[in-house]
Every structure is written in structure tokens, then in C-alpha cells.
Amino acid sequence: MTHPAPDRPRNRATDARPRRTRPARLTWAQVRAQWPLALVLVGVAVALGFVILERWRRGAFLLGVVALAAAVLRAVVPDERARLLGVRGRGFDVAFYAGLGVVILWLATSIDSLGTG
């Protein structure tokens, strides 16, 4: 029976739209648990700051170091603590971050500065 019988009173509380629920509040413990990702994001922000200030070789070098640090963090930190730093399996993440870091470091050190700092 999908509809109430016409002689039965309708319960307005169940007929009303479902209440909108708020998302759970973000606690300090949840934020603090993301420290590996926060550390990497701070490094990326500093590297991009160097690039914006026209110190692109320093910024690229720092970005490569940050990618290698992300690889080390992903290898050392357990899966439940790595949280958002881990995207795929541990082996893939470590290989990807390390490969990215090595390529960026190679580019940053091998390209001639052409008169720029």
C-alpha cells in the first residue's frame, strides 16, 4: 500500500520533506591527521612563490625536493596516516612521486639559466 487510505488521518511529520543535514564538523584532530599532505602543500606553495618571484630554477628545484619528500613520506607513513597523500597503492605512489621528483630536479639543474637567477 503506497498511499494512505482516505479515511485514515495523514501523519504530517512523515510526509514532510526530509530535513537537510549539515555535514559533520571538521575537528582539529581530523585536520592534524592530514599533516603529511599539509607538509607537501606548504612546500609546493613555497616553490610556487619562488616561481612567481621570478626565481624559477629555485622554485623548480624545491618542487622536485618536495616531490621526493612526498615519496619518502608515502613510503614511511602508514596507509591510515597518509590519508590524502596516498592515491593508489603504496608502491605506485612512491614510484610516481620519486619519478616526478627526479625528473623535475633533473630539469631544474640541467637547463641553463640564460642570464636569469
N, C-alpha and C. Protein backbone atom coordinates (compact mmCIF):
# COMPACT_ATOMS: atom_id res chain seq x y z
N MET A 1 0.85 -1.17 0.00
CA MET A 1 0.00 0.00 0.00
C MET A 1 0.89 1.24 0.00
N THR A 2 0.87 1.98 -1.06
CA THR A 2 1.74 3.14 -1.18
C THR A 2 1.09 4.42 -0.71
N HIS A 3 -0.22 4.51 -0.78
CA HIS A 3 -0.92 5.72 -0.35
C HIS A 3 -1.83 5.38 0.83
N PRO A 4 -1.92 6.29 1.80
CA PRO A 4 -2.82 6.01 2.92
C PRO A 4 -4.28 6.04 2.45
N ALA A 5 -5.05 5.26 3.14
CA ALA A 5 -6.49 5.24 2.81
C ALA A 5 -7.09 6.61 3.09
N PRO A 6 -8.11 7.02 2.33
CA PRO A 6 -8.67 8.36 2.52
C PRO A 6 -9.31 8.56 3.89
N ASP A 7 -9.74 7.50 4.55
CA ASP A 7 -10.39 7.68 5.86
C ASP A 7 -9.38 7.74 7.00
N ARG A 8 -8.09 7.43 6.72
CA ARG A 8 -7.07 7.49 7.77
C ARG A 8 -6.40 8.84 7.77
N PRO A 9 -6.22 9.41 8.95
CA PRO A 9 -5.52 10.72 9.00
C PRO A 9 -4.06 10.55 8.58
N ARG A 10 -3.56 11.54 7.90
CA ARG A 10 -2.18 11.51 7.44
C ARG A 10 -1.26 12.07 8.51
N ASN A 11 -0.14 11.48 8.63
CA ASN A 11 0.86 11.96 9.57
C ASN A 11 1.73 12.99 8.84
N ARG A 12 1.63 14.22 9.24
CA ARG A 12 2.33 15.31 8.55
C ARG A 12 3.84 15.24 8.77
N ALA A 13 4.27 14.67 9.87
CA ALA A 13 5.71 14.61 10.15
C ALA A 13 6.42 13.70 9.15
N THR A 14 5.79 12.61 8.76
CA THR A 14 6.45 11.72 7.81
C THR A 14 6.25 12.16 6.37
N ASP A 15 5.24 13.00 6.11
CA ASP A 15 5.00 13.48 4.76
C ASP A 15 5.89 14.67 4.40
N ALA A 16 6.43 15.30 5.40
CA ALA A 16 7.26 16.49 5.15
C ALA A 16 8.54 16.07 4.43
N ARG A 17 9.16 17.04 3.79
CA ARG A 17 10.43 16.77 3.13
C ARG A 17 11.46 16.32 4.15
N PRO A 18 12.39 15.51 3.74
CA PRO A 18 13.43 15.12 4.70
C PRO A 18 14.24 16.34 5.10
N ARG A 19 14.63 16.37 6.34
CA ARG A 19 15.41 17.50 6.83
C ARG A 19 16.79 17.50 6.20
N ARG A 20 17.27 18.68 5.95
CA ARG A 20 18.62 18.79 5.43
C ARG A 20 19.59 18.60 6.58
N THR A 21 20.52 17.76 6.39
CA THR A 21 21.51 17.53 7.44
C THR A 21 22.77 18.30 7.12
N ARG A 22 23.38 18.80 8.14
CA ARG A 22 24.65 19.51 7.98
C ARG A 22 25.77 18.50 7.90
N PRO A 23 26.81 18.83 7.17
CA PRO A 23 27.97 17.93 7.17
C PRO A 23 28.60 17.93 8.56
N ALA A 24 29.28 16.87 8.86
CA ALA A 24 29.93 16.77 10.17
C ALA A 24 30.96 17.89 10.31
N ARG A 25 31.06 18.39 11.51
CA ARG A 25 32.03 19.46 11.76
C ARG A 25 33.45 18.91 11.66
N LEU A 26 34.31 19.71 11.11
CA LEU A 26 35.70 19.33 10.98
C LEU A 26 36.38 19.60 12.31
N THR A 27 36.97 18.59 12.88
CA THR A 27 37.63 18.75 14.17
C THR A 27 39.12 18.99 13.96
N TRP A 28 39.75 19.51 14.99
CA TRP A 28 41.18 19.77 14.93
C TRP A 28 41.95 18.47 14.76
N ALA A 29 41.46 17.39 15.34
CA ALA A 29 42.13 16.10 15.21
C ALA A 29 42.12 15.63 13.75
N GLN A 30 41.03 15.88 13.03
CA GLN A 30 40.96 15.49 11.63
C GLN A 30 41.92 16.32 10.79
N VAL A 31 42.03 17.59 11.10
CA VAL A 31 42.96 18.46 10.37
C VAL A 31 44.40 18.05 10.67
N ARG A 32 44.68 17.79 11.94
CA ARG A 32 46.02 17.41 12.36
C ARG A 32 46.44 16.07 11.76
N ALA A 33 45.48 15.21 11.49
CA ALA A 33 45.79 13.90 10.91
C ALA A 33 46.28 14.01 9.47
N GLN A 34 46.07 15.14 8.83
CA GLN A 34 46.49 15.35 7.44
C GLN A 34 47.87 16.00 7.34
N TRP A 35 48.71 15.86 8.36
CA TRP A 35 49.99 16.55 8.36
C TRP A 35 50.91 16.16 7.19
N PRO A 36 50.92 14.92 6.69
CA PRO A 36 51.80 14.67 5.54
C PRO A 36 51.39 15.48 4.31
N LEU A 37 50.10 15.55 4.04
CA LEU A 37 49.62 16.32 2.90
C LEU A 37 49.88 17.81 3.13
N ALA A 38 49.66 18.29 4.34
CA ALA A 38 49.88 19.71 4.64
C ALA A 38 51.35 20.08 4.44
N LEU A 39 52.24 19.20 4.85
CA LEU A 39 53.67 19.46 4.68
C LEU A 39 54.03 19.57 3.20
N VAL A 40 53.49 18.69 2.39
CA VAL A 40 53.75 18.72 0.96
C VAL A 40 53.15 19.98 0.33
N LEU A 41 51.93 20.33 0.71
CA LEU A 41 51.28 21.52 0.15
C LEU A 41 52.00 22.80 0.53
N VAL A 42 52.54 22.87 1.74
CA VAL A 42 53.32 24.06 2.12
C VAL A 42 54.57 24.16 1.26
N GLY A 43 55.23 23.03 1.03
CA GLY A 43 56.42 23.03 0.16
C GLY A 43 56.09 23.46 -1.26
N VAL A 44 54.96 22.98 -1.79
CA VAL A 44 54.54 23.38 -3.14
C VAL A 44 54.23 24.87 -3.17
N ALA A 45 53.60 25.39 -2.14
CA ALA A 45 53.27 26.83 -2.09
C ALA A 45 54.54 27.67 -2.06
N VAL A 46 55.54 27.25 -1.29
CA VAL A 46 56.80 27.99 -1.24
C VAL A 46 57.50 27.92 -2.59
N ALA A 47 57.49 26.75 -3.23
CA ALA A 47 58.11 26.61 -4.55
C ALA A 47 57.41 27.51 -5.57
N LEU A 48 56.09 27.54 -5.54
CA LEU A 48 55.38 28.42 -6.47
C LEU A 48 55.62 29.89 -6.16
N GLY A 49 55.85 30.20 -4.89
CA GLY A 49 56.23 31.58 -4.53
C GLY A 49 57.54 31.98 -5.18
N PHE A 50 58.52 31.06 -5.18
CA PHE A 50 59.78 31.35 -5.86
C PHE A 50 59.57 31.56 -7.35
N VAL A 51 58.73 30.74 -7.96
CA VAL A 51 58.46 30.88 -9.39
C VAL A 51 57.80 32.22 -9.68
N ILE A 52 56.83 32.61 -8.86
CA ILE A 52 56.15 33.90 -9.05
C ILE A 52 57.12 35.06 -8.90
N LEU A 53 58.08 34.92 -8.00
CA LEU A 53 59.07 35.98 -7.79
C LEU A 53 60.24 35.89 -8.78
N GLU A 54 60.03 35.17 -9.87
CA GLU A 54 60.98 35.02 -10.96
C GLU A 54 62.27 34.33 -10.55
N ARG A 55 62.20 33.43 -9.62
CA ARG A 55 63.30 32.56 -9.25
C ARG A 55 62.89 31.13 -9.63
N TRP A 56 62.66 30.92 -10.93
CA TRP A 56 62.03 29.69 -11.38
C TRP A 56 62.92 28.47 -11.18
N ARG A 57 64.25 28.63 -11.29
CA ARG A 57 65.12 27.47 -11.08
C ARG A 57 65.09 27.03 -9.62
N ARG A 58 65.10 27.97 -8.71
CA ARG A 58 65.00 27.62 -7.29
C ARG A 58 63.64 27.00 -6.98
N GLY A 59 62.60 27.59 -7.59
CA GLY A 59 61.26 27.05 -7.38
C GLY A 59 61.11 25.64 -7.93
N ALA A 60 61.67 25.40 -9.12
CA ALA A 60 61.61 24.06 -9.71
C ALA A 60 62.43 23.07 -8.90
N PHE A 61 63.59 23.50 -8.44
CA PHE A 61 64.42 22.62 -7.61
C PHE A 61 63.68 22.26 -6.32
N LEU A 62 63.09 23.25 -5.68
CA LEU A 62 62.34 22.99 -4.45
C LEU A 62 61.13 22.10 -4.71
N LEU A 63 60.49 22.28 -5.85
CA LEU A 63 59.35 21.43 -6.20
C LEU A 63 59.79 19.97 -6.37
N GLY A 64 60.95 19.75 -6.96
CA GLY A 64 61.49 18.40 -7.07
C GLY A 64 61.82 17.80 -5.71
N VAL A 65 62.39 18.61 -4.83
CA VAL A 65 62.70 18.14 -3.48
C VAL A 65 61.41 17.80 -2.73
N VAL A 66 60.38 18.61 -2.91
CA VAL A 66 59.10 18.34 -2.26
C VAL A 66 58.49 17.05 -2.79
N ALA A 67 58.61 16.80 -4.09
CA ALA A 67 58.09 15.54 -4.64
C ALA A 67 58.85 14.35 -4.08
N LEU A 68 60.16 14.47 -3.92
CA LEU A 68 60.92 13.38 -3.30
C LEU A 68 60.54 13.21 -1.83
N ALA A 69 60.29 14.32 -1.15
CA ALA A 69 59.84 14.23 0.25
C ALA A 69 58.47 13.56 0.33
N ALA A 70 57.60 13.82 -0.64
CA ALA A 70 56.30 13.15 -0.68
C ALA A 70 56.48 11.65 -0.88
N ALA A 71 57.45 11.26 -1.71
CA ALA A 71 57.73 9.84 -1.91
C ALA A 71 58.21 9.20 -0.61
N VAL A 72 59.09 9.88 0.10
CA VAL A 72 59.59 9.34 1.36
C VAL A 72 58.46 9.26 2.39
N LEU A 73 57.65 10.31 2.47
CA LEU A 73 56.52 10.28 3.41
C LEU A 73 55.55 9.16 3.08
N ARG A 74 55.27 8.96 1.81
CA ARG A 74 54.33 7.91 1.42
C ARG A 74 54.91 6.53 1.71
N ALA A 75 56.23 6.39 1.61
CA ALA A 75 56.86 5.10 1.88
C ALA A 75 56.92 4.81 3.38
N VAL A 76 57.08 5.83 4.19
CA VAL A 76 57.31 5.64 5.62
C VAL A 76 56.02 5.66 6.43
N VAL A 77 55.13 6.58 6.10
CA VAL A 77 53.92 6.77 6.90
C VAL A 77 52.92 5.66 6.57
N PRO A 78 52.29 5.06 7.58
CA PRO A 78 51.29 4.00 7.31
C PRO A 78 50.10 4.53 6.52
N ASP A 79 49.39 3.61 5.86
CA ASP A 79 48.28 3.99 4.99
C ASP A 79 47.21 4.80 5.72
N GLU A 80 46.88 4.41 6.95
CA GLU A 80 45.82 5.13 7.66
C GLU A 80 46.25 6.52 8.09
N ARG A 81 47.56 6.78 8.14
CA ARG A 81 48.05 8.12 8.48
C ARG A 81 48.35 8.95 7.24
N ALA A 82 48.62 8.31 6.12
CA ALA A 82 48.97 9.04 4.89
C ALA A 82 47.75 9.75 4.33
N ARG A 83 46.58 9.18 4.51
CA ARG A 83 45.30 9.74 4.10
C ARG A 83 45.32 10.22 2.65
N LEU A 84 45.21 11.52 2.43
CA LEU A 84 45.07 12.06 1.08
C LEU A 84 46.37 12.07 0.29
N LEU A 85 47.48 11.80 0.94
CA LEU A 85 48.74 11.71 0.21
C LEU A 85 48.80 10.42 -0.60
N GLY A 86 48.07 9.42 -0.16
CA GLY A 86 48.02 8.16 -0.88
C GLY A 86 46.86 8.13 -1.85
N VAL A 87 47.15 7.98 -3.13
CA VAL A 87 46.11 7.97 -4.14
C VAL A 87 45.86 6.55 -4.63
N ARG A 88 46.90 5.84 -4.95
CA ARG A 88 46.81 4.45 -5.41
C ARG A 88 47.48 3.57 -4.35
N GLY A 89 48.05 2.51 -4.80
CA GLY A 89 48.79 1.65 -3.88
C GLY A 89 50.08 2.33 -3.45
N ARG A 90 50.65 1.84 -2.36
CA ARG A 90 51.86 2.46 -1.83
C ARG A 90 53.00 2.42 -2.84
N GLY A 91 53.20 1.29 -3.49
CA GLY A 91 54.30 1.18 -4.46
C GLY A 91 54.16 2.14 -5.62
N PHE A 92 52.94 2.25 -6.14
CA PHE A 92 52.71 3.17 -7.26
C PHE A 92 52.94 4.61 -6.82
N ASP A 93 52.40 4.97 -5.66
CA ASP A 93 52.56 6.35 -5.19
C ASP A 93 54.02 6.71 -4.99
N VAL A 94 54.78 5.82 -4.36
CA VAL A 94 56.20 6.10 -4.12
C VAL A 94 56.94 6.22 -5.45
N ALA A 95 56.67 5.30 -6.38
CA ALA A 95 57.34 5.36 -7.69
C ALA A 95 56.97 6.63 -8.45
N PHE A 96 55.70 7.01 -8.39
CA PHE A 96 55.26 8.20 -9.12
C PHE A 96 55.88 9.46 -8.53
N TYR A 97 55.79 9.62 -7.21
CA TYR A 97 56.36 10.82 -6.57
C TYR A 97 57.87 10.89 -6.77
N ALA A 98 58.55 9.74 -6.64
CA ALA A 98 60.00 9.73 -6.81
C ALA A 98 60.37 10.03 -8.27
N GLY A 99 59.66 9.42 -9.21
CA GLY A 99 59.95 9.70 -10.62
C GLY A 99 59.72 11.16 -10.97
N LEU A 100 58.61 11.70 -10.48
CA LEU A 100 58.32 13.11 -10.72
C LEU A 100 59.39 14.01 -10.11
N GLY A 101 59.81 13.69 -8.90
CA GLY A 101 60.84 14.48 -8.25
C GLY A 101 62.17 14.43 -8.97
N VAL A 102 62.56 13.24 -9.44
CA VAL A 102 63.83 13.11 -10.16
C VAL A 102 63.78 13.87 -11.48
N VAL A 103 62.69 13.78 -12.20
CA VAL A 103 62.58 14.49 -13.49
C VAL A 103 62.61 16.00 -13.27
N ILE A 104 61.89 16.48 -12.27
CA ILE A 104 61.88 17.93 -12.01
C ILE A 104 63.26 18.40 -11.56
N LEU A 105 63.93 17.64 -10.70
CA LEU A 105 65.29 18.02 -10.28
C LEU A 105 66.25 18.01 -11.46
N TRP A 106 66.13 17.01 -12.33
CA TRP A 106 67.00 16.96 -13.50
C TRP A 106 66.78 18.18 -14.40
N LEU A 107 65.51 18.52 -14.62
CA LEU A 107 65.22 19.70 -15.44
C LEU A 107 65.73 20.99 -14.79
N ALA A 108 65.52 21.11 -13.49
CA ALA A 108 65.93 22.34 -12.79
C ALA A 108 67.44 22.51 -12.80
N THR A 109 68.18 21.43 -12.75
CA THR A 109 69.65 21.56 -12.70
C THR A 109 70.29 21.53 -14.08
N SER A 110 69.63 20.98 -15.07
CA SER A 110 70.26 20.84 -16.37
C SER A 110 70.00 21.99 -17.33
N ILE A 111 68.93 22.72 -17.15
CA ILE A 111 68.62 23.81 -18.06
C ILE A 111 69.45 25.03 -17.69
N ASP A 112 70.09 25.61 -18.72
CA ASP A 112 70.91 26.79 -18.50
C ASP A 112 70.05 27.96 -18.04
N SER A 113 70.58 28.74 -17.16
CA SER A 113 69.80 29.84 -16.59
C SER A 113 69.56 30.96 -17.59
N LEU A 114 70.35 31.05 -18.64
CA LEU A 114 70.19 32.08 -19.68
C LEU A 114 70.15 33.49 -19.11
N GLY A 115 71.01 33.72 -18.14
CA GLY A 115 71.10 35.05 -17.58
C GLY A 115 70.08 35.36 -16.50
N THR A 116 69.23 34.39 -16.17
CA THR A 116 68.27 34.64 -15.09
C THR A 116 68.77 33.96 -13.82
N GLY A 117 68.25 34.42 -12.68
CA GLY A 117 68.68 33.86 -11.39
C GLY A 117 67.99 32.67 -11.10
